[in-house]
Protein backbone atom coordinates (compact mmCIF):
# COMPACT_ATOMS: atom_id res chain seq x y z
CA UNK A 1 109.41 79.60 87.57
CA UNK A 2 105.78 79.31 88.63
CA UNK A 3 103.48 80.86 86.02
CA UNK A 4 99.75 81.59 85.97
CA UNK A 5 98.33 82.28 82.50
CA UNK A 6 94.81 83.47 81.76
CA UNK A 7 93.04 83.42 78.41
CA UNK A 8 89.72 85.12 77.71
CA UNK A 9 86.59 84.00 75.92
CA UNK A 10 87.07 86.32 72.93
CA UNK A 11 90.49 84.77 72.30
CA UNK A 12 89.22 81.17 72.52
CA UNK A 13 86.01 81.32 70.50
CA UNK A 14 84.83 82.59 67.14
CA UNK A 15 82.18 85.24 66.55
CA UNK A 16 79.32 82.84 67.38
CA UNK A 17 81.01 81.34 70.43
CA UNK A 18 82.36 78.10 68.98
CA UNK A 19 85.64 76.99 70.60
CA UNK A 20 88.57 77.39 68.20
CA UNK A 21 90.55 74.20 68.58
CA UNK A 22 93.58 75.59 66.77
CA UNK A 23 93.84 78.39 69.35
CA UNK A 24 93.74 75.94 72.24
CA UNK A 25 96.28 73.71 70.47
CA UNK A 26 98.68 76.64 70.04
CA UNK A 27 98.26 77.57 73.71
CA UNK A 28 98.74 73.99 74.88
CA UNK A 29 101.89 73.73 72.76
CA UNK A 30 103.29 76.57 74.85
CA UNK A 31 102.07 75.10 78.14
CA UNK A 32 103.78 71.82 77.28
CA UNK A 33 106.99 73.62 76.31
CA UNK A 34 107.03 75.43 79.65
CA UNK A 35 106.50 72.18 81.51
CA UNK A 36 109.30 70.56 79.50
CA UNK A 37 111.61 73.44 80.45
CA UNK A 38 110.95 72.81 84.15
CA UNK A 39 108.40 75.55 84.81
CA UNK A 40 105.20 75.05 86.79
CA UNK A 41 102.10 76.38 85.08
CA UNK A 42 98.43 76.98 85.88
CA UNK A 43 95.94 78.08 83.22
CA UNK A 44 92.88 80.15 84.06
CA UNK A 45 90.50 79.73 81.15
CA UNK A 46 87.25 81.49 80.35
CA UNK A 47 84.89 80.25 77.66
CA UNK A 48 82.37 77.98 79.40
CA UNK A 49 79.36 80.24 78.88
CA UNK A 50 80.22 80.97 75.27
CA UNK A 51 80.86 77.28 74.57
CA UNK A 52 77.51 76.47 76.14
CA UNK A 53 75.76 78.96 73.86
CA UNK A 54 77.24 77.23 70.82
CA UNK A 55 76.62 73.70 72.15
CA UNK A 56 72.94 74.42 72.77
CA UNK A 57 72.50 76.10 69.41
CA UNK A 58 71.34 79.41 70.86
CA UNK A 59 71.17 82.34 68.47
CA UNK A 60 72.81 84.75 70.91
CA UNK A 61 74.34 84.90 74.38
CA UNK A 62 71.48 85.22 76.93
CA UNK A 63 71.44 88.12 79.35
CA UNK A 64 69.56 86.66 82.33
CA UNK A 65 71.70 85.17 85.09
CA UNK A 66 69.84 81.84 85.59
CA UNK A 67 70.25 80.95 81.91
CA UNK A 68 73.87 82.05 81.83
CA UNK A 69 74.63 79.88 84.84
CA UNK A 70 72.81 76.90 83.36
CA UNK A 71 74.53 77.02 79.99
CA UNK A 72 77.94 77.44 81.64
CA UNK A 73 77.53 73.90 82.97
CA UNK A 74 76.95 72.64 79.43
CA UNK A 75 79.92 74.58 78.11
CA UNK A 76 82.42 73.76 80.87
CA UNK A 77 82.54 70.05 80.05
CA UNK A 78 83.13 70.80 76.39
CA UNK A 79 85.87 73.28 77.26
CA UNK A 80 87.66 70.69 79.41
CA UNK A 81 87.22 68.03 76.73
CA UNK A 82 89.14 70.26 74.33
CA UNK A 83 91.95 70.91 76.83
CA UNK A 84 92.24 67.23 77.73
CA UNK A 85 92.56 66.29 74.07
CA UNK A 86 95.11 69.00 73.32
CA UNK A 87 97.35 68.48 76.35
CA UNK A 88 97.01 64.72 75.90
CA UNK A 89 99.14 65.04 72.77
CA UNK A 90 102.04 65.57 75.20
CA UNK A 91 100.95 63.04 77.78
CA UNK A 92 99.83 65.83 80.13
CA UNK A 93 96.63 65.58 82.16
CA UNK A 94 94.40 68.67 82.41
CA UNK A 95 92.86 69.00 85.88
CA UNK A 96 89.65 71.02 86.25
CA UNK A 97 89.51 73.40 89.23
CA UNK A 98 86.38 75.55 89.67
CA UNK A 99 86.65 78.45 92.12
CA UNK A 100 84.56 81.33 93.43
CA UNK A 101 85.80 84.55 95.09
CA UNK A 102 84.78 83.21 98.51
CA UNK A 103 87.54 80.61 98.18
CA UNK A 104 90.04 83.44 98.57
CA UNK A 105 88.33 85.12 101.53
CA UNK A 106 87.79 82.17 103.86
CA UNK A 107 91.22 81.26 105.26
CA UNK A 108 90.56 77.52 105.29
CA UNK A 109 89.28 77.55 101.71
CA UNK A 110 92.25 79.67 100.64
CA UNK A 111 94.75 77.20 102.09
CA UNK A 112 92.85 74.22 100.72
CA UNK A 113 92.82 75.73 97.24
CA UNK A 114 96.58 76.31 97.41
CA UNK A 115 97.21 72.78 98.64
CA UNK A 116 95.17 71.31 95.79
CA UNK A 117 96.73 73.46 93.07
CA UNK A 118 100.28 72.83 94.23
CA UNK A 119 99.69 69.09 94.57
CA UNK A 120 98.25 68.92 91.06
CA UNK A 121 101.39 70.54 89.68
CA UNK A 122 103.54 68.12 91.69
CA UNK A 123 101.60 65.25 90.10
CA UNK A 124 102.45 66.58 86.64
CA UNK A 125 99.02 68.00 85.81
CA UNK A 126 98.19 71.38 84.34
CA UNK A 127 95.38 72.82 86.50
CA UNK A 128 92.71 74.48 84.34
CA UNK A 129 90.92 77.00 86.54
CA UNK A 130 87.61 78.70 85.85
CA UNK A 131 85.14 80.60 87.97
CA UNK A 132 82.33 78.28 89.07
CA UNK A 133 79.68 80.15 87.10
CA UNK A 134 77.08 77.39 87.41
CA UNK A 135 76.65 77.80 91.17
CA UNK A 136 77.91 81.34 91.77
CA UNK A 137 75.59 83.07 94.23
CA UNK A 138 76.12 86.49 92.68
CA UNK A 139 76.02 87.94 89.18
CA UNK A 140 77.80 85.86 86.53
CA UNK A 141 80.55 88.49 86.20
CA UNK A 142 81.20 88.63 89.92
CA UNK A 143 84.95 88.24 90.41
CA UNK A 144 85.59 87.61 86.68
CA UNK A 145 88.51 85.50 85.54
CA UNK A 146 91.04 88.33 85.31
CA UNK A 147 90.68 88.85 89.06
CA UNK A 148 90.44 85.11 89.73
CA UNK A 149 93.73 84.66 87.86
CA UNK A 150 95.41 87.30 90.02
CA UNK A 151 94.10 85.74 93.22
CA UNK A 152 95.34 82.33 92.03
CA UNK A 153 98.76 83.85 91.30
CA UNK A 154 98.82 85.28 94.82
CA UNK A 155 97.56 82.00 96.30
CA UNK A 156 100.34 79.86 94.82
CA UNK A 157 103.06 82.55 95.12
CA UNK A 158 103.50 82.72 91.34
CA UNK A 159 106.47 84.50 89.82
CA UNK A 160 104.53 85.70 86.79
CA UNK A 161 100.93 86.33 85.71
CA UNK A 162 100.24 86.48 81.96
CA UNK A 163 96.86 87.81 80.79
CA UNK A 164 96.34 86.69 77.20
CA UNK A 165 93.71 88.81 75.46
CA UNK A 166 92.58 90.04 72.06
CA UNK A 167 94.64 93.26 72.24
CA UNK A 168 98.45 93.61 72.19
CA UNK A 169 98.56 95.34 75.60
CA UNK A 170 97.83 98.70 77.21
CA UNK A 171 97.78 101.73 74.91
CA UNK A 172 98.02 105.42 75.73
CA UNK A 173 94.52 105.75 74.19
CA UNK A 174 92.01 103.52 72.43
CA UNK A 175 93.82 102.55 69.19
CA UNK A 176 90.46 101.87 67.50
CA UNK A 177 89.57 105.56 67.67
CA UNK A 178 92.91 107.33 68.12
CA UNK A 179 95.56 106.71 65.44
CA UNK A 180 98.19 108.35 67.66
CA UNK A 181 97.79 105.73 70.40
CA UNK A 182 101.00 103.90 71.27
CA UNK A 183 101.66 100.69 73.18
CA UNK A 184 102.92 101.08 76.75
CA UNK A 185 105.65 98.47 77.27
CA UNK A 186 106.32 98.88 81.01
CA UNK A 187 104.17 100.20 83.85
CA UNK A 188 105.80 100.84 87.23
CA UNK A 189 104.09 99.87 90.47
CA UNK A 190 103.22 103.48 91.34
CA UNK A 191 102.36 104.54 87.77
CA UNK A 192 98.99 106.34 87.45
CA UNK A 193 98.34 104.24 84.33
CA UNK A 194 97.34 101.45 86.70
CA UNK A 195 94.17 103.35 87.53
CA UNK A 196 93.45 104.84 84.09
CA UNK A 197 89.92 104.53 82.77
CA UNK A 198 89.59 101.92 80.04
CA UNK A 199 86.95 100.22 77.95
CA UNK A 200 84.78 98.05 80.17
CA UNK A 201 84.42 95.19 77.71
CA UNK A 202 86.04 94.31 74.43
CA UNK A 203 83.51 91.81 73.06
CA UNK A 204 80.00 90.51 73.63
CA UNK A 205 81.28 86.99 74.32
CA UNK A 206 83.27 87.63 77.50
CA UNK A 207 82.93 89.42 80.80
CA UNK A 208 86.22 91.32 80.92
CA UNK A 209 87.84 94.06 78.87
CA UNK A 210 90.86 96.33 79.34
CA UNK A 211 89.43 97.87 82.52
CA UNK A 212 89.29 94.39 84.03
CA UNK A 213 92.85 93.64 82.86
CA UNK A 214 94.11 96.87 84.42
CA UNK A 215 92.39 96.07 87.70
CA UNK A 216 93.93 92.59 87.65
CA UNK A 217 97.36 94.01 86.83
CA UNK A 218 97.07 96.44 89.74
CA UNK A 219 96.03 93.56 92.00
CA UNK A 220 99.04 91.56 90.85
CA UNK A 221 101.38 94.50 91.40
CA UNK A 222 100.05 95.03 94.92
CA UNK A 223 100.42 91.28 95.54
CA UNK A 224 104.10 91.45 94.56
CA UNK A 225 103.62 89.55 91.28
CA UNK A 226 104.91 90.68 87.87
CA UNK A 227 102.09 90.76 85.31
CA UNK A 228 102.02 90.88 81.52
CA UNK A 229 99.12 91.71 79.19
CA UNK A 230 99.75 90.24 75.73
CA UNK A 231 97.85 89.36 72.57
CA UNK A 232 96.80 85.71 72.66
CA UNK A 233 97.16 85.28 68.89
CA UNK A 234 100.76 86.47 68.85
CA UNK A 235 102.97 83.42 68.18
CA UNK A 236 104.74 82.20 71.33
CA UNK A 237 103.36 85.09 73.40
CA UNK A 238 103.32 83.06 76.60
CA UNK A 239 106.81 81.66 76.06
CA UNK A 240 108.18 85.12 75.29
CA UNK A 241 106.58 86.58 78.43
CA UNK A 242 108.15 83.86 80.59
CA UNK A 243 111.52 84.43 78.91
CA UNK A 244 111.32 88.12 79.80
CA UNK A 245 111.12 89.34 76.21
CA UNK A 246 109.14 92.46 75.36
CA UNK A 247 105.64 91.23 74.61
CA UNK A 248 102.64 93.45 75.27
CA UNK A 249 102.67 95.45 78.51
CA UNK A 250 104.60 94.44 81.63
CA UNK A 251 103.43 95.63 85.06
CA UNK A 252 106.19 95.64 87.66
CA UNK A 253 105.45 94.38 91.18
CA UNK A 254 105.27 96.70 94.17
CA UNK A 255 106.57 96.12 97.67
CA UNK A 256 103.07 96.15 99.21
CA UNK A 257 102.50 92.37 98.90
CA UNK A 258 98.98 92.53 100.32
CA UNK A 259 97.25 89.48 101.81
CA UNK A 260 94.56 87.81 99.67
CA UNK A 261 91.69 89.03 101.84
CA UNK A 262 92.62 92.68 101.30
CA UNK A 263 93.13 92.12 97.59
CA UNK A 264 89.65 90.63 97.45
CA UNK A 265 88.19 93.57 99.36
CA UNK A 266 89.92 96.06 97.11
CA UNK A 267 89.40 94.57 93.69
CA UNK A 268 87.12 91.56 93.50
CA UNK A 269 83.91 92.58 95.21
CA UNK A 270 80.79 94.62 94.55
CA UNK A 271 80.83 98.09 96.11
CA UNK A 272 77.49 98.67 97.84
CA UNK A 273 77.86 102.21 99.20
CA UNK A 274 80.11 105.06 100.32
CA UNK A 275 81.19 106.51 103.66
CA UNK A 276 82.39 110.13 103.56
CA UNK A 277 84.91 110.99 106.27
CA UNK A 278 86.35 114.19 107.71
CA UNK A 279 90.01 115.23 107.51
CA UNK A 280 90.82 113.84 110.94
CA UNK A 281 89.54 110.39 110.04
CA UNK A 282 91.38 110.51 106.73
CA UNK A 283 94.67 111.25 108.48
CA UNK A 284 94.04 108.54 111.07
CA UNK A 285 93.47 105.97 108.33
CA UNK A 286 96.34 106.96 106.05
CA UNK A 287 98.98 108.01 108.58
CA UNK A 288 98.31 105.77 111.58
CA UNK A 289 96.58 102.78 110.00
CA UNK A 290 93.65 102.87 112.41
CA UNK A 291 90.14 101.47 112.10
CA UNK A 292 87.40 103.79 110.85
CA UNK A 293 85.24 104.98 113.75
CA UNK A 294 81.70 106.38 113.45
CA UNK A 295 82.97 109.71 114.86
CA UNK A 296 84.87 110.40 111.65
CA UNK A 297 81.96 109.74 109.29
CA UNK A 298 80.16 112.79 107.91
CA UNK A 299 77.86 111.14 105.37
CA UNK A 300 76.52 107.68 104.49
CA UNK A 301 75.52 107.09 100.86
CA UNK A 302 73.67 104.12 99.42
CA UNK A 303 71.95 101.18 101.08
CA UNK A 304 74.05 98.32 102.37
CA UNK A 305 74.06 95.59 105.00
CA UNK A 306 76.55 94.60 107.65
CA UNK A 307 79.35 92.67 105.95
CA UNK A 308 79.09 94.53 102.62
CA UNK A 309 82.03 96.33 101.02
CA UNK A 310 81.90 100.13 100.78
CA UNK A 311 84.16 102.91 99.55
CA UNK A 312 85.62 105.46 101.96
CA UNK A 313 86.01 108.94 100.47
CA UNK A 314 87.10 112.31 101.81
CA UNK A 315 85.15 115.56 101.61
CA UNK A 316 86.49 116.27 98.12
CA UNK A 317 85.26 112.90 96.84
CA UNK A 318 88.72 111.35 96.52
CA UNK A 319 88.93 107.62 97.27
CA UNK A 320 90.74 106.91 100.53
CA UNK A 321 90.02 103.27 101.30
CA UNK A 322 87.64 100.36 100.82
CA UNK A 323 86.44 97.98 103.47
CA UNK A 324 83.85 95.67 105.02
CA UNK A 325 81.37 97.49 107.26
CA UNK A 326 80.39 96.25 110.72
CA UNK A 327 76.94 97.86 110.57
CA UNK A 328 74.26 98.54 107.96
CA UNK A 329 73.63 101.89 106.31
CA UNK A 330 70.69 102.85 108.54
CA UNK A 331 72.70 102.22 111.71
CA UNK A 332 75.70 104.19 110.49
CA UNK A 333 73.50 107.11 109.49
CA UNK A 334 72.10 107.15 113.02
CA UNK A 335 75.53 107.14 114.72
CA UNK A 336 77.75 109.07 112.25
CA UNK A 337 79.75 111.76 113.99
CA UNK A 338 79.27 110.26 117.46
CA UNK A 339 82.14 109.52 119.81
CA UNK A 340 82.69 105.93 120.85
CA UNK A 341 81.47 106.65 124.40
CA UNK A 342 78.15 107.91 122.97
CA UNK A 343 77.39 104.86 120.83
CA UNK A 344 74.44 102.59 121.70
CA UNK A 345 75.44 99.33 123.35
CA UNK A 346 74.51 97.18 120.35
CA UNK A 347 76.62 99.18 117.83
CA UNK A 348 80.21 98.12 117.07
CA UNK A 349 82.86 100.66 118.07
CA UNK A 350 84.36 100.51 114.57
CA UNK A 351 82.51 101.21 111.34
CA UNK A 352 85.27 99.30 109.53
CA UNK A 353 87.98 97.38 111.38
CA UNK A 354 91.51 98.01 110.12
CA UNK A 355 91.92 94.27 109.32
CA UNK A 356 89.05 94.62 106.84
CA UNK A 357 90.21 97.92 105.32
CA UNK A 358 92.41 98.45 102.25
CA UNK A 359 93.99 101.87 101.78
CA UNK A 360 93.80 103.09 98.18
CA UNK A 361 96.23 106.00 98.66
């Protein structure tokens, strides 16, 4: 079995951001056991920023992006040092792989990343993946490691994605405020729980939270990959998930099996605006799989540039699709509602091409 596991900052570090070596040792014990059993494994690990905060003796995690990016470089080396030491107890080499969301959008980068990851596993290494925070061109949370882990799982055609976190799984409500909340053990591919609202972040040391885990689980489901959310501190959580035992919440894969580019469009990008469409355009998109034409647009909301990702909503406000626009907001406002034959020569015939559009219904 090919497994991608992800562990978050709050599970790896203490309250002040210091890496907990015993946690990494327990995780590496499981990684080594999986390798010994013949499984291939990739670990996506957060913690660089938090480790950098502790290494530099800062009183608190900074909030400005330049400082966050700088200290991630200081923390990343310390994070890898810990993994190298721990996996070295089993004679296993940890291989650092730093990625950004663009690596999953550009076809050549996508294939190169897969080639590198697969070859590292063939060489007997455990790839340790992290987002390349130090040189990311967008906000430090852009992409976040829950989504990166899902894109990696899709990239290498993994059989299982395990998201190790500081909660036991998905609950019917927030167990911290609702004593009646119960753990959901299995979520089907078409279950509305996949889109339920959840807490945006669970700690001040990481960039994720249950909302991020749910988004990643939905990504994995739509990519045809089984996903599990489990508590990192539970003994043998990763081994139990691989063995198919009930641990946390399991999200079953769907038959959609979307390509990486559409997964990225749908889940791993910033949404810069909204296009409101009429009923005819909605039917054309959902029933015939067409591109979105300016004629079907009734309203343009927000300010965005050509190449940005926007939401497509119907007149009631319901989400229909998400895609990359071929014109900026000002241009689309000027041509909305016009037939293709009436468009100026310099304006693309499609507002969003169907190859760059992900249906959300």
